[in-house]
PDB file of N, CA and C in Angstrom:
ATOM      1  N   MET A   1     -27.123 -16.922  -1.912  1.00  0.00           N
ATOM      2  CA  MET A   1     -25.687 -16.843  -1.817  1.00  0.00           C
ATOM      3  C   MET A   1     -25.336 -15.760  -0.792  1.00  0.00           C
ATOM      4  N   SER A   2     -24.367 -16.062   0.062  1.00  0.00           N
ATOM      5  CA  SER A   2     -24.003 -15.116   1.115  1.00  0.00           C
ATOM      6  C   SER A   2     -23.205 -13.946   0.546  1.00  0.00           C
ATOM      7  N   LYS A   3     -23.106 -12.882   1.341  1.00  0.00           N
ATOM      8  CA  LYS A   3     -22.353 -11.703   0.915  1.00  0.00           C
ATOM      9  C   LYS A   3     -20.880 -12.037   0.706  1.00  0.00           C
ATOM     10  N   THR A   4     -20.335 -12.889   1.572  1.00  0.00           N
ATOM     11  CA  THR A   4     -18.929 -13.261   1.449  1.00  0.00           C
ATOM     12  C   THR A   4     -18.678 -14.013   0.149  1.00  0.00           C
ATOM     13  N   ALA A   5     -19.551 -14.931  -0.186  1.00  0.00           N
ATOM     14  CA  ALA A   5     -19.399 -15.701  -1.417  1.00  0.00           C
ATOM     15  C   ALA A   5     -19.503 -14.794  -2.642  1.00  0.00           C
ATOM     16  N   LYS A   6     -20.416 -13.839  -2.614  1.00  0.00           N
ATOM     17  CA  LYS A   6     -20.551 -12.894  -3.724  1.00  0.00           C
ATOM     18  C   LYS A   6     -19.287 -12.040  -3.867  1.00  0.00           C
ATOM     19  N   PHE A   7     -18.749 -11.618  -2.731  1.00  0.00           N
ATOM     20  CA  PHE A   7     -17.542 -10.795  -2.740  1.00  0.00           C
ATOM     21  C   PHE A   7     -16.363 -11.572  -3.322  1.00  0.00           C
ATOM     22  N   VAL A   8     -16.175 -12.796  -2.872  1.00  0.00           N
ATOM     23  CA  VAL A   8     -15.077 -13.628  -3.364  1.00  0.00           C
ATOM     24  C   VAL A   8     -15.250 -13.907  -4.851  1.00  0.00           C
ATOM     25  N   LEU A   9     -16.459 -14.193  -5.281  1.00  0.00           N
ATOM     26  CA  LEU A   9     -16.726 -14.442  -6.691  1.00  0.00           C
ATOM     27  C   LEU A   9     -16.441 -13.196  -7.535  1.00  0.00           C
ATOM     28  N   THR A  10     -16.827 -12.047  -7.049  1.00  0.00           N
ATOM     29  CA  THR A  10     -16.556 -10.793  -7.757  1.00  0.00           C
ATOM     30  C   THR A  10     -15.055 -10.548  -7.880  1.00  0.00           C
ATOM     31  N   LEU A  11     -14.308 -10.751  -6.794  1.00  0.00           N
ATOM     32  CA  LEU A  11     -12.856 -10.574  -6.847  1.00  0.00           C
ATOM     33  C   LEU A  11     -12.213 -11.543  -7.836  1.00  0.00           C
ATOM     34  N   ALA A  12     -12.684 -12.775  -7.856  1.00  0.00           N
ATOM     35  CA  ALA A  12     -12.138 -13.762  -8.785  1.00  0.00           C
ATOM     36  C   ALA A  12     -12.419 -13.359 -10.229  1.00  0.00           C
ATOM     37  N   MET A  13     -13.610 -12.873 -10.497  1.00  0.00           N
ATOM     38  CA  MET A  13     -13.961 -12.474 -11.857  1.00  0.00           C
ATOM     39  C   MET A  13     -13.134 -11.274 -12.312  1.00  0.00           C
ATOM     40  N   VAL A  14     -12.955 -10.307 -11.442  1.00  0.00           N
ATOM     41  CA  VAL A  14     -12.159  -9.130 -11.781  1.00  0.00           C
ATOM     42  C   VAL A  14     -10.704  -9.535 -12.011  1.00  0.00           C
ATOM     43  N   GLY A  15     -10.197 -10.405 -11.169  1.00  0.00           N
ATOM     44  CA  GLY A  15      -8.818 -10.854 -11.316  1.00  0.00           C
ATOM     45  C   GLY A  15      -8.584 -11.624 -12.596  1.00  0.00           C
ATOM     46  N   LEU A  16      -9.538 -12.409 -13.007  1.00  0.00           N
ATOM     47  CA  LEU A  16      -9.385 -13.208 -14.219  1.00  0.00           C
ATOM     48  C   LEU A  16      -9.600 -12.388 -15.491  1.00  0.00           C
ATOM     49  N   CYS A  17     -10.335 -11.302 -15.386  1.00  0.00           N
ATOM     50  CA  CYS A  17     -10.657 -10.502 -16.572  1.00  0.00           C
ATOM     51  C   CYS A  17      -9.720  -9.317 -16.781  1.00  0.00           C
ATOM     52  N   SER A  18      -8.860  -9.044 -15.828  1.00  0.00           N
ATOM     53  CA  SER A  18      -8.002  -7.870 -15.954  1.00  0.00           C
ATOM     54  C   SER A  18      -6.782  -8.165 -16.813  1.00  0.00           C
ATOM     55  N   ALA A  19      -6.275  -7.132 -17.450  1.00  0.00           N
ATOM     56  CA  ALA A  19      -5.071  -7.238 -18.278  1.00  0.00           C
ATOM     57  C   ALA A  19      -3.858  -6.899 -17.416  1.00  0.00           C
ATOM     58  N   PRO A  20      -2.653  -7.276 -17.837  1.00  0.00           N
ATOM     59  CA  PRO A  20      -1.455  -6.901 -17.080  1.00  0.00           C
ATOM     60  C   PRO A  20      -1.313  -5.378 -17.005  1.00  0.00           C
ATOM     61  N   ALA A  21      -0.760  -4.883 -15.924  1.00  0.00           N
ATOM     62  CA  ALA A  21      -0.650  -3.440 -15.720  1.00  0.00           C
ATOM     63  C   ALA A  21       0.353  -2.801 -16.679  1.00  0.00           C
ATOM     64  N   LEU A  22       1.477  -3.434 -16.901  1.00  0.00           N
ATOM     65  CA  LEU A  22       2.525  -2.905 -17.771  1.00  0.00           C
ATOM     66  C   LEU A  22       2.847  -1.444 -17.433  1.00  0.00           C
ATOM     67  N   ALA A  23       3.187  -1.219 -16.164  1.00  0.00           N
ATOM     68  CA  ALA A  23       3.453   0.132 -15.691  1.00  0.00           C
ATOM     69  C   ALA A  23       4.721   0.719 -16.283  1.00  0.00           C
ATOM     70  N   HIS A  24       5.636  -0.120 -16.723  1.00  0.00           N
ATOM     71  CA  HIS A  24       6.885   0.359 -17.294  1.00  0.00           C
ATOM     72  C   HIS A  24       7.009  -0.176 -18.716  1.00  0.00           C
ATOM     73  N   PRO A  25       6.427   0.507 -19.686  1.00  0.00           N
ATOM     74  CA  PRO A  25       6.466  -0.001 -21.059  1.00  0.00           C
ATOM     75  C   PRO A  25       7.880  -0.020 -21.630  1.00  0.00           C
ATOM     76  N   GLY A  26       8.099  -0.923 -22.559  1.00  0.00           N
ATOM     77  CA  GLY A  26       9.392  -1.007 -23.213  1.00  0.00           C
ATOM     78  C   GLY A  26      10.335  -2.013 -22.601  1.00  0.00           C
ATOM     79  N   HIS A  27       9.961  -2.606 -21.472  1.00  0.00           N
ATOM     80  CA  HIS A  27      10.833  -3.582 -20.820  1.00  0.00           C
ATOM     81  C   HIS A  27      10.494  -5.008 -21.208  1.00  0.00           C
ATOM     82  N   GLY A  28       9.419  -5.207 -21.918  1.00  0.00           N
ATOM     83  CA  GLY A  28       8.995  -6.564 -22.217  1.00  0.00           C
ATOM     84  C   GLY A  28       8.304  -7.163 -21.005  1.00  0.00           C
ATOM     85  N   ILE A  29       7.904  -8.375 -21.138  1.00  0.00           N
ATOM     86  CA  ILE A  29       7.251  -9.056 -20.019  1.00  0.00           C
ATOM     87  C   ILE A  29       8.300  -9.892 -19.298  1.00  0.00           C
ATOM     88  N   PRO A  30       8.517  -9.641 -17.997  1.00  0.00           N
ATOM     89  CA  PRO A  30       9.523 -10.411 -17.264  1.00  0.00           C
ATOM     90  C   PRO A  30       9.135 -11.885 -17.226  1.00  0.00           C
ATOM     91  N   ASP A  31      10.124 -12.741 -17.346  1.00  0.00           N
ATOM     92  CA  ASP A  31       9.823 -14.156 -17.421  1.00  0.00           C
ATOM     93  C   ASP A  31      10.207 -14.936 -16.179  1.00  0.00           C
ATOM     94  N   THR A  32      10.758 -14.276 -15.174  1.00  0.00           N
ATOM     95  CA  THR A  32      11.125 -14.999 -13.964  1.00  0.00           C
ATOM     96  C   THR A  32      10.660 -14.240 -12.726  1.00  0.00           C
ATOM     97  N   LEU A  33      10.508 -14.975 -11.656  1.00  0.00           N
ATOM     98  CA  LEU A  33      10.144 -14.379 -10.375  1.00  0.00           C
ATOM     99  C   LEU A  33      11.266 -13.472  -9.872  1.00  0.00           C
ATOM    100  N   ALA A  34      12.502 -13.883 -10.094  1.00  0.00           N
ATOM    101  CA  ALA A  34      13.644 -13.080  -9.640  1.00  0.00           C
ATOM    102  C   ALA A  34      13.652 -11.706 -10.304  1.00  0.00           C
ATOM    103  N   HIS A  35      13.335 -11.642 -11.586  1.00  0.00           N
ATOM    104  CA  HIS A  35      13.295 -10.356 -12.292  1.00  0.00           C
ATOM    105  C   HIS A  35      12.251  -9.444 -11.648  1.00  0.00           C
ATOM    106  N   GLY A  36      11.085  -9.981 -11.347  1.00  0.00           N
ATOM    107  CA  GLY A  36      10.037  -9.188 -10.708  1.00  0.00           C
ATOM    108  C   GLY A  36      10.420  -8.734  -9.315  1.00  0.00           C
ATOM    109  N   PHE A  37      11.115  -9.583  -8.571  1.00  0.00           N
ATOM    110  CA  PHE A  37      11.527  -9.230  -7.209  1.00  0.00           C
ATOM    111  C   PHE A  37      12.594  -8.146  -7.220  1.00  0.00           C
ATOM    112  N   VAL A  38      13.605  -8.285  -8.066  1.00  0.00           N
ATOM    113  CA  VAL A  38      14.706  -7.324  -8.129  1.00  0.00           C
ATOM    114  C   VAL A  38      14.237  -5.989  -8.695  1.00  0.00           C
ATOM    115  N   HIS A  39      13.241  -6.005  -9.551  1.00  0.00           N
ATOM    116  CA  HIS A  39      12.747  -4.782 -10.174  1.00  0.00           C
ATOM    117  C   HIS A  39      12.280  -3.765  -9.130  1.00  0.00           C
ATOM    118  N   ALA A  40      11.712  -4.235  -8.042  1.00  0.00           N
ATOM    119  CA  ALA A  40      11.204  -3.324  -7.012  1.00  0.00           C
ATOM    120  C   ALA A  40      12.317  -2.552  -6.308  1.00  0.00           C
ATOM    121  N   PHE A  41      13.529  -3.050  -6.336  1.00  0.00           N
ATOM    122  CA  PHE A  41      14.635  -2.359  -5.675  1.00  0.00           C
ATOM    123  C   PHE A  41      15.415  -1.448  -6.617  1.00  0.00           C
ATOM    124  N   GLY A  42      15.087  -1.466  -7.899  1.00  0.00           N
ATOM    125  CA  GLY A  42      15.851  -0.707  -8.869  1.00  0.00           C
ATOM    126  C   GLY A  42      15.315   0.668  -9.183  1.00  0.00           C
ATOM    127  N   GLY A  43      14.131   1.001  -8.730  1.00  0.00           N
ATOM    128  CA  GLY A  43      13.549   2.279  -9.102  1.00  0.00           C
ATOM    129  C   GLY A  43      13.373   3.213  -7.922  1.00  0.00           C
ATOM    130  N   ILE A  44      13.622   4.479  -8.163  1.00  0.00           N
ATOM    131  CA  ILE A  44      13.485   5.475  -7.096  1.00  0.00           C
ATOM    132  C   ILE A  44      12.028   5.606  -6.658  1.00  0.00           C
ATOM    133  N   ASP A  45      11.081   5.331  -7.561  1.00  0.00           N
ATOM    134  CA  ASP A  45       9.676   5.435  -7.186  1.00  0.00           C
ATOM    135  C   ASP A  45       9.315   4.404  -6.121  1.00  0.00           C
ATOM    136  N   TYR A  46       9.871   3.203  -6.215  1.00  0.00           N
ATOM    137  CA  TYR A  46       9.603   2.176  -5.210  1.00  0.00           C
ATOM    138  C   TYR A  46      10.248   2.537  -3.874  1.00  0.00           C
ATOM    139  N   VAL A  47      11.476   3.034  -3.931  1.00  0.00           N
ATOM    140  CA  VAL A  47      12.177   3.403  -2.702  1.00  0.00           C
ATOM    141  C   VAL A  47      11.428   4.524  -1.982  1.00  0.00           C
ATOM    142  N   LEU A  48      10.998   5.537  -2.724  1.00  0.00           N
ATOM    143  CA  LEU A  48      10.255   6.643  -2.102  1.00  0.00           C
ATOM    144  C   LEU A  48       8.916   6.172  -1.539  1.00  0.00           C
ATOM    145  N   ALA A  49       8.272   5.247  -2.220  1.00  0.00           N
ATOM    146  CA  ALA A  49       6.998   4.724  -1.720  1.00  0.00           C
ATOM    147  C   ALA A  49       7.201   3.994  -0.394  1.00  0.00           C
ATOM    148  N   MET A  50       8.250   3.184  -0.287  1.00  0.00           N
ATOM    149  CA  MET A  50       8.498   2.440   0.953  1.00  0.00           C
ATOM    150  C   MET A  50       8.915   3.366   2.096  1.00  0.00           C
ATOM    151  N   ILE A  51       9.680   4.399   1.782  1.00  0.00           N
ATOM    152  CA  ILE A  51      10.035   5.383   2.812  1.00  0.00           C
ATOM    153  C   ILE A  51       8.775   6.095   3.299  1.00  0.00           C
ATOM    154  N   SER A  52       7.881   6.439   2.373  1.00  0.00           N
ATOM    155  CA  SER A  52       6.628   7.107   2.739  1.00  0.00           C
ATOM    156  C   SER A  52       5.769   6.215   3.633  1.00  0.00           C
ATOM    157  N   VAL A  53       5.702   4.941   3.311  1.00  0.00           N
ATOM    158  CA  VAL A  53       4.930   4.006   4.141  1.00  0.00           C
ATOM    159  C   VAL A  53       5.536   3.930   5.536  1.00  0.00           C
ATOM    160  N   GLY A  54       6.861   3.875   5.617  1.00  0.00           N
ATOM    161  CA  GLY A  54       7.520   3.836   6.923  1.00  0.00           C
ATOM    162  C   GLY A  54       7.235   5.079   7.751  1.00  0.00           C
ATOM    163  N   VAL A  55       7.275   6.240   7.111  1.00  0.00           N
ATOM    164  CA  VAL A  55       6.983   7.490   7.818  1.00  0.00           C
ATOM    165  C   VAL A  55       5.539   7.491   8.321  1.00  0.00           C
ATOM    166  N   LEU A  56       4.611   7.037   7.487  1.00  0.00           N
ATOM    167  CA  LEU A  56       3.203   6.990   7.915  1.00  0.00           C
ATOM    168  C   LEU A  56       2.996   6.039   9.089  1.00  0.00           C
ATOM    169  N   ILE A  57       3.690   4.907   9.082  1.00  0.00           N
ATOM    170  CA  ILE A  57       3.560   3.953  10.185  1.00  0.00           C
ATOM    171  C   ILE A  57       4.074   4.560  11.477  1.00  0.00           C
ATOM    172  N   VAL A  58       5.209   5.238  11.415  1.00  0.00           N
ATOM    173  CA  VAL A  58       5.765   5.871  12.615  1.00  0.00           C
ATOM    174  C   VAL A  58       4.836   6.963  13.116  1.00  0.00           C
ATOM    175  N   LYS A  59       4.321   7.798  12.202  1.00  0.00           N
ATOM    176  CA  LYS A  59       3.426   8.887  12.617  1.00  0.00           C
ATOM    177  C   LYS A  59       2.118   8.360  13.199  1.00  0.00           C
ATOM    178  N   ALA A  60       1.641   7.211  12.704  1.00  0.00           N
ATOM    179  CA  ALA A  60       0.406   6.634  13.218  1.00  0.00           C
ATOM    180  C   ALA A  60       0.626   5.901  14.536  1.00  0.00           C
ATOM    181  N   GLY A  61       1.870   5.725  14.940  1.00  0.00           N
ATOM    182  CA  GLY A  61       2.157   5.050  16.202  1.00  0.00           C
ATOM    183  C   GLY A  61       1.985   3.556  16.134  1.00  0.00           C
ATOM    184  N   LEU A  62       2.210   2.956  14.986  1.00  0.00           N
ATOM    185  CA  LEU A  62       2.010   1.531  14.813  1.00  0.00           C
ATOM    186  C   LEU A  62       3.303   0.730  14.966  1.00  0.00           C
ATOM    187  N   THR A  63       4.338   1.352  15.501  1.00  0.00           N
ATOM    188  CA  THR A  63       5.589   0.634  15.700  1.00  0.00           C
ATOM    189  C   THR A  63       5.498  -0.266  16.926  1.00  0.00           C
ATOM    190  N   PRO A  64       6.208  -1.391  16.946  1.00  0.00           N
ATOM    191  CA  PRO A  64       6.135  -2.292  18.108  1.00  0.00           C
ATOM    192  C   PRO A  64       6.725  -1.655  19.344  1.00  0.00           C
ATOM    193  N   LYS A  65       6.139  -1.973  20.475  1.00  0.00           N
ATOM    194  CA  LYS A  65       6.630  -1.452  21.753  1.00  0.00           C
ATOM    195  C   LYS A  65       7.783  -2.314  22.238  1.00  0.00           C
ATOM    196  N   ARG A  66       8.784  -1.700  22.818  1.00  0.00           N
ATOM    197  CA  ARG A  66       9.936  -2.447  23.352  1.00  0.00           C
ATOM    198  C   ARG A  66       9.842  -2.603  24.824  1.00  0.00           C
TER     199      ARG A  66
END
């Protein structure tokens, strides 16, 4: 078996055996895609993470050239 096949098989096994993260306990399990999508815009932790990623991209010089 090739290294790529072993890697893909390992990722599939880990993905199938893992439990949900439940990073925000007490909210229940969201039942729609829309709830999961909107949730990312409602928390300050997500906003700060995206701002941090943007700052890192600018500092690394990965912005498109005009």
